[in-house]
Amino acid sequence: AVGARRADIMRQFLIESSLLSASGGFLGVALAWLLTL
């Protein structure tokens, strides 16, 4: 309503989903590294 375009909304959710999954990936890698140690 205040002027955000479709691309703005789409970009927001794509960045959010990729950051959430990448942070989960970092946590998984850290856990695997500790298990390897």
ModelCIF file with pLDDT and N, C-alpha, C, O atoms, coordinates in Angstrom:
data_MODEL
#
_entry.id   MODEL 
#
_entity.id                         1 
_entity.type                       polymer 
_entity.pdbx_number_of_molecules   1 
#
_entity_poly.entity_id                      1 
_entity_poly.type                           'polypeptide(L)' 
_entity_poly.nstd_linkage                   no 
_entity_poly.nstd_monomer                   no 
_entity_poly.pdbx_seq_one_letter_code       AVGARRADIMRQFLIESSLLSASGGFLGVALAWLLTL 
_entity_poly.pdbx_seq_one_letter_code_can   AVGARRADIMRQFLIESSLLSASGGFLGVALAWLLTL 
_entity_poly.pdbx_strand_id                 A 
#
loop_
_entity_poly_seq.entity_id 
_entity_poly_seq.num 
_entity_poly_seq.mon_id 
_entity_poly_seq.hetero 
1 1  ALA n 
1 2  VAL n 
1 3  GLY n 
1 4  ALA n 
1 5  ARG n 
1 6  ARG n 
1 7  ALA n 
1 8  ASP n 
1 9  ILE n 
1 10 MET n 
1 11 ARG n 
1 12 GLN n 
1 13 PHE n 
1 14 LEU n 
1 15 ILE n 
1 16 GLU n 
1 17 SER n 
1 18 SER n 
1 19 LEU n 
1 20 LEU n 
1 21 SER n 
1 22 ALA n 
1 23 SER n 
1 24 GLY n 
1 25 GLY n 
1 26 PHE n 
1 27 LEU n 
1 28 GLY n 
1 29 VAL n 
1 30 ALA n 
1 31 LEU n 
1 32 ALA n 
1 33 TRP n 
1 34 LEU n 
1 35 LEU n 
1 36 THR n 
1 37 LEU n 
#
_struct_asym.id          A 
_struct_asym.entity_id   1 
#
loop_
_ma_qa_metric.id 
_ma_qa_metric.mode 
_ma_qa_metric.name 
_ma_qa_metric.software_group_id 
_ma_qa_metric.type 
1 global pLDDT . pLDDT 
2 local  pLDDT . pLDDT 
#
_ma_qa_metric_global.metric_id      1 
_ma_qa_metric_global.metric_value   88.57 
_ma_qa_metric_global.model_id       1 
_ma_qa_metric_global.ordinal_id     1 
#
loop_
_ma_qa_metric_local.label_asym_id 
_ma_qa_metric_local.label_comp_id 
_ma_qa_metric_local.label_seq_id 
_ma_qa_metric_local.metric_id 
_ma_qa_metric_local.metric_value 
_ma_qa_metric_local.model_id 
_ma_qa_metric_local.ordinal_id 
A ALA 1  2 89.00 1 1  
A VAL 2  2 92.00 1 2  
A GLY 3  2 91.00 1 3  
A ALA 4  2 89.00 1 4  
A ARG 5  2 91.00 1 5  
A ARG 6  2 90.00 1 6  
A ALA 7  2 92.00 1 7  
A ASP 8  2 91.00 1 8  
A ILE 9  2 89.00 1 9  
A MET 10 2 89.00 1 10 
A ARG 11 2 90.00 1 11 
A GLN 12 2 89.00 1 12 
A PHE 13 2 87.00 1 13 
A LEU 14 2 86.00 1 14 
A ILE 15 2 88.00 1 15 
A GLU 16 2 87.00 1 16 
A SER 17 2 86.00 1 17 
A SER 18 2 83.00 1 18 
A LEU 19 2 85.00 1 19 
A LEU 20 2 87.00 1 20 
A SER 21 2 86.00 1 21 
A ALA 22 2 84.00 1 22 
A SER 23 2 87.00 1 23 
A GLY 24 2 89.00 1 24 
A GLY 25 2 87.00 1 25 
A PHE 26 2 88.00 1 26 
A LEU 27 2 93.00 1 27 
A GLY 28 2 90.00 1 28 
A VAL 29 2 89.00 1 29 
A ALA 30 2 90.00 1 30 
A LEU 31 2 93.00 1 31 
A ALA 32 2 88.00 1 32 
A TRP 33 2 87.00 1 33 
A LEU 34 2 91.00 1 34 
A LEU 35 2 90.00 1 35 
A THR 36 2 87.00 1 36 
A LEU 37 2 87.00 1 37 
#
loop_
_atom_site.group_PDB 
_atom_site.id 
_atom_site.type_symbol 
_atom_site.label_atom_id 
_atom_site.label_alt_id 
_atom_site.label_comp_id 
_atom_site.label_asym_id 
_atom_site.label_entity_id 
_atom_site.label_seq_id 
_atom_site.pdbx_PDB_ins_code 
_atom_site.Cartn_x 
_atom_site.Cartn_y 
_atom_site.Cartn_z 
_atom_site.occupancy 
_atom_site.B_iso_or_equiv 
_atom_site.pdbx_formal_charge 
_atom_site.auth_seq_id 
_atom_site.auth_comp_id 
_atom_site.auth_asym_id 
_atom_site.auth_atom_id 
_atom_site.pdbx_PDB_model_num 
ATOM 1   N N  . ALA A 1 1  ? 0.817  -1.214  0.000  1.00 89.00 ? 1  ALA A N  1 
ATOM 2   C CA . ALA A 1 1  ? 0.000  0.000   0.000  1.00 89.00 ? 1  ALA A CA 1 
ATOM 3   C C  . ALA A 1 1  ? 0.851  1.265   0.000  1.00 89.00 ? 1  ALA A C  1 
ATOM 4   O O  . ALA A 1 1  ? 0.434  2.294   -0.531 1.00 89.00 ? 1  ALA A O  1 
ATOM 5   N N  . VAL A 1 2  ? 2.037  1.194   0.590  1.00 92.00 ? 2  VAL A N  1 
ATOM 6   C CA . VAL A 1 2  ? 2.901  2.380   0.616  1.00 92.00 ? 2  VAL A CA 1 
ATOM 7   C C  . VAL A 1 2  ? 3.878  2.411   -0.553 1.00 92.00 ? 2  VAL A C  1 
ATOM 8   O O  . VAL A 1 2  ? 4.739  3.289   -0.616 1.00 92.00 ? 2  VAL A O  1 
ATOM 9   N N  . GLY A 1 3  ? 3.754  1.466   -1.474 1.00 91.00 ? 3  GLY A N  1 
ATOM 10  C CA . GLY A 1 3  ? 4.535  1.578   -2.699 1.00 91.00 ? 3  GLY A CA 1 
ATOM 11  C C  . GLY A 1 3  ? 5.550  0.492   -2.988 1.00 91.00 ? 3  GLY A C  1 
ATOM 12  O O  . GLY A 1 3  ? 6.314  0.615   -3.945 1.00 91.00 ? 3  GLY A O  1 
ATOM 13  N N  . ALA A 1 4  ? 5.585  -0.566  -2.195 1.00 89.00 ? 4  ALA A N  1 
ATOM 14  C CA . ALA A 1 4  ? 6.535  -1.647  -2.486 1.00 89.00 ? 4  ALA A CA 1 
ATOM 15  C C  . ALA A 1 4  ? 6.106  -2.368  -3.757 1.00 89.00 ? 4  ALA A C  1 
ATOM 16  O O  . ALA A 1 4  ? 4.925  -2.651  -3.961 1.00 89.00 ? 4  ALA A O  1 
ATOM 17  N N  . ARG A 1 5  ? 7.076  -2.656  -4.598 1.00 91.00 ? 5  ARG A N  1 
ATOM 18  C CA . ARG A 1 5  ? 6.797  -3.368  -5.843 1.00 91.00 ? 5  ARG A CA 1 
ATOM 19  C C  . ARG A 1 5  ? 6.846  -4.870  -5.607 1.00 91.00 ? 5  ARG A C  1 
ATOM 20  O O  . ARG A 1 5  ? 7.293  -5.332  -4.558 1.00 91.00 ? 5  ARG A O  1 
ATOM 21  N N  . ARG A 1 6  ? 6.381  -5.622  -6.594 1.00 90.00 ? 6  ARG A N  1 
ATOM 22  C CA . ARG A 1 6  ? 6.427  -7.090  -6.493 1.00 90.00 ? 6  ARG A CA 1 
ATOM 23  C C  . ARG A 1 6  ? 7.856  -7.580  -6.309 1.00 90.00 ? 6  ARG A C  1 
ATOM 24  O O  . ARG A 1 6  ? 8.111  -8.506  -5.538 1.00 90.00 ? 6  ARG A O  1 
ATOM 25  N N  . ALA A 1 7  ? 8.783  -6.954  -7.020 1.00 92.00 ? 7  ALA A N  1 
ATOM 26  C CA . ALA A 1 7  ? 10.183 -7.371  -6.920 1.00 92.00 ? 7  ALA A CA 1 
ATOM 27  C C  . ALA A 1 7  ? 10.729 -7.140  -5.508 1.00 92.00 ? 7  ALA A C  1 
ATOM 28  O O  . ALA A 1 7  ? 11.545 -7.924  -5.024 1.00 92.00 ? 7  ALA A O  1 
ATOM 29  N N  . ASP A 1 8  ? 10.284 -6.072  -4.851 1.00 91.00 ? 8  ASP A N  1 
ATOM 30  C CA . ASP A 1 8  ? 10.742 -5.794  -3.484 1.00 91.00 ? 8  ASP A CA 1 
ATOM 31  C C  . ASP A 1 8  ? 10.264 -6.875  -2.517 1.00 91.00 ? 8  ASP A C  1 
ATOM 32  O O  . ASP A 1 8  ? 11.034 -7.362  -1.689 1.00 91.00 ? 8  ASP A O  1 
ATOM 33  N N  . ILE A 1 9  ? 9.000  -7.241  -2.626 1.00 89.00 ? 9  ILE A N  1 
ATOM 34  C CA . ILE A 1 9  ? 8.439  -8.273  -1.752 1.00 89.00 ? 9  ILE A CA 1 
ATOM 35  C C  . ILE A 1 9  ? 9.111  -9.612  -2.033 1.00 89.00 ? 9  ILE A C  1 
ATOM 36  O O  . ILE A 1 9  ? 9.473  -10.338 -1.107 1.00 89.00 ? 9  ILE A O  1 
ATOM 37  N N  . MET A 1 10 ? 9.275  -9.932  -3.302 1.00 89.00 ? 10 MET A N  1 
ATOM 38  C CA . MET A 1 10 ? 9.897  -11.199 -3.672 1.00 89.00 ? 10 MET A CA 1 
ATOM 39  C C  . MET A 1 10 ? 11.338 -11.262 -3.167 1.00 89.00 ? 10 MET A C  1 
ATOM 40  O O  . MET A 1 10 ? 11.769 -12.285 -2.633 1.00 89.00 ? 10 MET A O  1 
ATOM 41  N N  . ARG A 1 11 ? 12.074 -10.176 -3.336 1.00 90.00 ? 11 ARG A N  1 
ATOM 42  C CA . ARG A 1 11 ? 13.464 -10.127 -2.891 1.00 90.00 ? 11 ARG A CA 1 
ATOM 43  C C  . ARG A 1 11 ? 13.545 -10.330 -1.381 1.00 90.00 ? 11 ARG A C  1 
ATOM 44  O O  . ARG A 1 11 ? 14.421 -11.047 -0.897 1.00 90.00 ? 11 ARG A O  1 
ATOM 45  N N  . GLN A 1 12 ? 12.640 -9.705  -0.636 1.00 89.00 ? 12 GLN A N  1 
ATOM 46  C CA . GLN A 1 12 ? 12.650 -9.833  0.820  1.00 89.00 ? 12 GLN A CA 1 
ATOM 47  C C  . GLN A 1 12 ? 12.504 -11.293 1.243  1.00 89.00 ? 12 GLN A C  1 
ATOM 48  O O  . GLN A 1 12 ? 13.268 -11.772 2.081  1.00 89.00 ? 12 GLN A O  1 
ATOM 49  N N  . PHE A 1 13 ? 11.536 -12.001 0.674  1.00 87.00 ? 13 PHE A N  1 
ATOM 50  C CA . PHE A 1 13 ? 11.305 -13.372 1.089  1.00 87.00 ? 13 PHE A CA 1 
ATOM 51  C C  . PHE A 1 13 ? 12.376 -14.327 0.580  1.00 87.00 ? 13 PHE A C  1 
ATOM 52  O O  . PHE A 1 13 ? 12.689 -15.311 1.251  1.00 87.00 ? 13 PHE A O  1 
ATOM 53  N N  . LEU A 1 14 ? 12.939 -14.059 -0.583 1.00 86.00 ? 14 LEU A N  1 
ATOM 54  C CA . LEU A 1 14 ? 14.021 -14.921 -1.078 1.00 86.00 ? 14 LEU A CA 1 
ATOM 55  C C  . LEU A 1 14 ? 15.281 -14.758 -0.235 1.00 86.00 ? 14 LEU A C  1 
ATOM 56  O O  . LEU A 1 14 ? 15.955 -15.740 0.075  1.00 86.00 ? 14 LEU A O  1 
ATOM 57  N N  . ILE A 1 15 ? 15.597 -13.524 0.133  1.00 88.00 ? 15 ILE A N  1 
ATOM 58  C CA . ILE A 1 15 ? 16.760 -13.293 0.997  1.00 88.00 ? 15 ILE A CA 1 
ATOM 59  C C  . ILE A 1 15 ? 16.539 -13.953 2.351  1.00 88.00 ? 15 ILE A C  1 
ATOM 60  O O  . ILE A 1 15 ? 17.443 -14.577 2.905  1.00 88.00 ? 15 ILE A O  1 
ATOM 61  N N  . GLU A 1 16 ? 15.338 -13.808 2.869  1.00 87.00 ? 16 GLU A N  1 
ATOM 62  C CA . GLU A 1 16 ? 15.020 -14.400 4.164  1.00 87.00 ? 16 GLU A CA 1 
ATOM 63  C C  . GLU A 1 16 ? 15.146 -15.917 4.139  1.00 87.00 ? 16 GLU A C  1 
ATOM 64  O O  . GLU A 1 16 ? 15.736 -16.505 5.046  1.00 87.00 ? 16 GLU A O  1 
ATOM 65  N N  . SER A 1 17 ? 14.601 -16.553 3.115  1.00 86.00 ? 17 SER A N  1 
ATOM 66  C CA . SER A 1 17 ? 14.663 -18.019 3.062  1.00 86.00 ? 17 SER A CA 1 
ATOM 67  C C  . SER A 1 17 ? 16.080 -18.522 2.849  1.00 86.00 ? 17 SER A C  1 
ATOM 68  O O  . SER A 1 17 ? 16.472 -19.535 3.428  1.00 86.00 ? 17 SER A O  1 
ATOM 69  N N  . SER A 1 18 ? 16.855 -17.822 2.021  1.00 83.00 ? 18 SER A N  1 
ATOM 70  C CA . SER A 1 18 ? 18.231 -18.291 1.803  1.00 83.00 ? 18 SER A CA 1 
ATOM 71  C C  . SER A 1 18 ? 19.098 -18.064 3.038  1.00 83.00 ? 18 SER A C  1 
ATOM 72  O O  . SER A 1 18 ? 19.966 -18.885 3.336  1.00 83.00 ? 18 SER A O  1 
ATOM 73  N N  . LEU A 1 19 ? 18.880 -16.963 3.763  1.00 85.00 ? 19 LEU A N  1 
ATOM 74  C CA . LEU A 1 19 ? 19.644 -16.731 4.991  1.00 85.00 ? 19 LEU A CA 1 
ATOM 75  C C  . LEU A 1 19 ? 19.289 -17.747 6.072  1.00 85.00 ? 19 LEU A C  1 
ATOM 76  O O  . LEU A 1 19 ? 20.167 -18.227 6.789  1.00 85.00 ? 19 LEU A O  1 
ATOM 77  N N  . LEU A 1 20 ? 18.006 -18.074 6.187  1.00 87.00 ? 20 LEU A N  1 
ATOM 78  C CA . LEU A 1 20 ? 17.607 -19.078 7.172  1.00 87.00 ? 20 LEU A CA 1 
ATOM 79  C C  . LEU A 1 20 ? 18.235 -20.440 6.866  1.00 87.00 ? 20 LEU A C  1 
ATOM 80  O O  . LEU A 1 20 ? 18.743 -21.109 7.765  1.00 87.00 ? 20 LEU A O  1 
ATOM 81  N N  . SER A 1 21 ? 18.198 -20.838 5.616  1.00 86.00 ? 21 SER A N  1 
ATOM 82  C CA . SER A 1 21 ? 18.758 -22.144 5.284  1.00 86.00 ? 21 SER A CA 1 
ATOM 83  C C  . SER A 1 21 ? 20.283 -22.141 5.332  1.00 86.00 ? 21 SER A C  1 
ATOM 84  O O  . SER A 1 21 ? 20.884 -23.145 5.715  1.00 86.00 ? 21 SER A O  1 
ATOM 85  N N  . ALA A 1 22 ? 20.922 -21.034 4.953  1.00 84.00 ? 22 ALA A N  1 
ATOM 86  C CA . ALA A 1 22 ? 22.384 -20.969 5.036  1.00 84.00 ? 22 ALA A CA 1 
ATOM 87  C C  . ALA A 1 22 ? 22.853 -20.988 6.485  1.00 84.00 ? 22 ALA A C  1 
ATOM 88  O O  . ALA A 1 22 ? 23.870 -21.606 6.799  1.00 84.00 ? 22 ALA A O  1 
ATOM 89  N N  . SER A 1 23 ? 22.116 -20.314 7.375  1.00 87.00 ? 23 SER A N  1 
ATOM 90  C CA . SER A 1 23 ? 22.503 -20.358 8.781  1.00 87.00 ? 23 SER A CA 1 
ATOM 91  C C  . SER A 1 23 ? 22.333 -21.766 9.344  1.00 87.00 ? 23 SER A C  1 
ATOM 92  O O  . SER A 1 23 ? 23.129 -22.205 10.174 1.00 87.00 ? 23 SER A O  1 
ATOM 93  N N  . GLY A 1 24 ? 21.296 -22.475 8.895  1.00 89.00 ? 24 GLY A N  1 
ATOM 94  C CA . GLY A 1 24 ? 21.155 -23.878 9.274  1.00 89.00 ? 24 GLY A CA 1 
ATOM 95  C C  . GLY A 1 24 ? 22.290 -24.721 8.729  1.00 89.00 ? 24 GLY A C  1 
ATOM 96  O O  . GLY A 1 24 ? 22.750 -25.655 9.386  1.00 89.00 ? 24 GLY A O  1 
ATOM 97  N N  . GLY A 1 25 ? 22.746 -24.387 7.519  1.00 87.00 ? 25 GLY A N  1 
ATOM 98  C CA . GLY A 1 25 ? 23.891 -25.082 6.939  1.00 87.00 ? 25 GLY A CA 1 
ATOM 99  C C  . GLY A 1 25 ? 25.161 -24.843 7.743  1.00 87.00 ? 25 GLY A C  1 
ATOM 100 O O  . GLY A 1 25 ? 25.938 -25.769 7.975  1.00 87.00 ? 25 GLY A O  1 
ATOM 101 N N  . PHE A 1 26 ? 25.371 -23.589 8.172  1.00 88.00 ? 26 PHE A N  1 
ATOM 102 C CA . PHE A 1 26 ? 26.541 -23.287 9.004  1.00 88.00 ? 26 PHE A CA 1 
ATOM 103 C C  . PHE A 1 26 ? 26.483 -24.050 10.326 1.00 88.00 ? 26 PHE A C  1 
ATOM 104 O O  . PHE A 1 26 ? 27.498 -24.571 10.788 1.00 88.00 ? 26 PHE A O  1 
ATOM 105 N N  . LEU A 1 27 ? 25.303 -24.116 10.934 1.00 93.00 ? 27 LEU A N  1 
ATOM 106 C CA . LEU A 1 27 ? 25.175 -24.867 12.180 1.00 93.00 ? 27 LEU A CA 1 
ATOM 107 C C  . LEU A 1 27 ? 25.431 -26.356 11.953 1.00 93.00 ? 27 LEU A C  1 
ATOM 108 O O  . LEU A 1 27 ? 26.064 -27.013 12.780 1.00 93.00 ? 27 LEU A O  1 
ATOM 109 N N  . GLY A 1 28 ? 24.944 -26.880 10.844 1.00 90.00 ? 28 GLY A N  1 
ATOM 110 C CA . GLY A 1 28 ? 25.187 -28.285 10.516 1.00 90.00 ? 28 GLY A CA 1 
ATOM 111 C C  . GLY A 1 28 ? 26.655 -28.573 10.278 1.00 90.00 ? 28 GLY A C  1 
ATOM 112 O O  . GLY A 1 28 ? 27.168 -29.603 10.715 1.00 90.00 ? 28 GLY A O  1 
ATOM 113 N N  . VAL A 1 29 ? 27.335 -27.670 9.588  1.00 89.00 ? 29 VAL A N  1 
ATOM 114 C CA . VAL A 1 29 ? 28.770 -27.846 9.337  1.00 89.00 ? 29 VAL A CA 1 
ATOM 115 C C  . VAL A 1 29 ? 29.544 -27.769 10.649 1.00 89.00 ? 29 VAL A C  1 
ATOM 116 O O  . VAL A 1 29 ? 30.476 -28.542 10.869 1.00 89.00 ? 29 VAL A O  1 
ATOM 117 N N  . ALA A 1 30 ? 29.160 -26.838 11.519 1.00 90.00 ? 30 ALA A N  1 
ATOM 118 C CA . ALA A 1 30 ? 29.841 -26.714 12.814 1.00 90.00 ? 30 ALA A CA 1 
ATOM 119 C C  . ALA A 1 30 ? 29.644 -27.980 13.652 1.00 90.00 ? 30 ALA A C  1 
ATOM 120 O O  . ALA A 1 30 ? 30.586 -28.463 14.280 1.00 90.00 ? 30 ALA A O  1 
ATOM 121 N N  . LEU A 1 31 ? 28.428 -28.509 13.658 1.00 93.00 ? 31 LEU A N  1 
ATOM 122 C CA . LEU A 1 31 ? 28.158 -29.733 14.406 1.00 93.00 ? 31 LEU A CA 1 
ATOM 123 C C  . LEU A 1 31 ? 28.942 -30.914 13.832 1.00 93.00 ? 31 LEU A C  1 
ATOM 124 O O  . LEU A 1 31 ? 29.498 -31.717 14.582 1.00 93.00 ? 31 LEU A O  1 
ATOM 125 N N  . ALA A 1 32 ? 28.985 -31.018 12.509 1.00 88.00 ? 32 ALA A N  1 
ATOM 126 C CA . ALA A 1 32 ? 29.746 -32.103 11.868 1.00 88.00 ? 32 ALA A CA 1 
ATOM 127 C C  . ALA A 1 32 ? 31.233 -31.969 12.155 1.00 88.00 ? 32 ALA A C  1 
ATOM 128 O O  . ALA A 1 32 ? 31.920 -32.968 12.365 1.00 88.00 ? 32 ALA A O  1 
ATOM 129 N N  . TRP A 1 33 ? 31.733 -30.733 12.162 1.00 87.00 ? 33 TRP A N  1 
ATOM 130 C CA . TRP A 1 33 ? 33.153 -30.517 12.445 1.00 87.00 ? 33 TRP A CA 1 
ATOM 131 C C  . TRP A 1 33 ? 33.477 -30.921 13.878 1.00 87.00 ? 33 TRP A C  1 
ATOM 132 O O  . TRP A 1 33 ? 34.501 -31.558 14.124 1.00 87.00 ? 33 TRP A O  1 
ATOM 133 N N  . LEU A 1 34 ? 32.608 -30.553 14.835 1.00 91.00 ? 34 LEU A N  1 
ATOM 134 C CA . LEU A 1 34 ? 32.830 -30.949 16.226 1.00 91.00 ? 34 LEU A CA 1 
ATOM 135 C C  . LEU A 1 34 ? 32.759 -32.471 16.387 1.00 91.00 ? 34 LEU A C  1 
ATOM 136 O O  . LEU A 1 34 ? 33.537 -33.057 17.139 1.00 91.00 ? 34 LEU A O  1 
ATOM 137 N N  . LEU A 1 35 ? 31.837 -33.095 15.687 1.00 90.00 ? 35 LEU A N  1 
ATOM 138 C CA . LEU A 1 35 ? 31.734 -34.552 15.738 1.00 90.00 ? 35 LEU A CA 1 
ATOM 139 C C  . LEU A 1 35 ? 32.981 -35.200 15.142 1.00 90.00 ? 35 LEU A C  1 
ATOM 140 O O  . LEU A 1 35 ? 33.451 -36.223 15.643 1.00 90.00 ? 35 LEU A O  1 
ATOM 141 N N  . THR A 1 36 ? 33.513 -34.613 14.083 1.00 87.00 ? 36 THR A N  1 
ATOM 142 C CA . THR A 1 36 ? 34.747 -35.121 13.480 1.00 87.00 ? 36 THR A CA 1 
ATOM 143 C C  . THR A 1 36 ? 35.909 -34.998 14.448 1.00 87.00 ? 36 THR A C  1 
ATOM 144 O O  . THR A 1 36 ? 36.735 -35.905 14.548 1.00 87.00 ? 36 THR A O  1 
ATOM 145 N N  . LEU A 1 37 ? 35.979 -33.873 15.166 1.00 87.00 ? 37 LEU A N  1 
ATOM 146 C CA . LEU A 1 37 ? 37.038 -33.714 16.170 1.00 87.00 ? 37 LEU A CA 1 
ATOM 147 C C  . LEU A 1 37 ? 36.923 -34.760 17.273 1.00 87.00 ? 37 LEU A C  1 
ATOM 148 O O  . LEU A 1 37 ? 37.734 -34.773 18.199 1.00 87.00 ? 37 LEU A O  1 
#
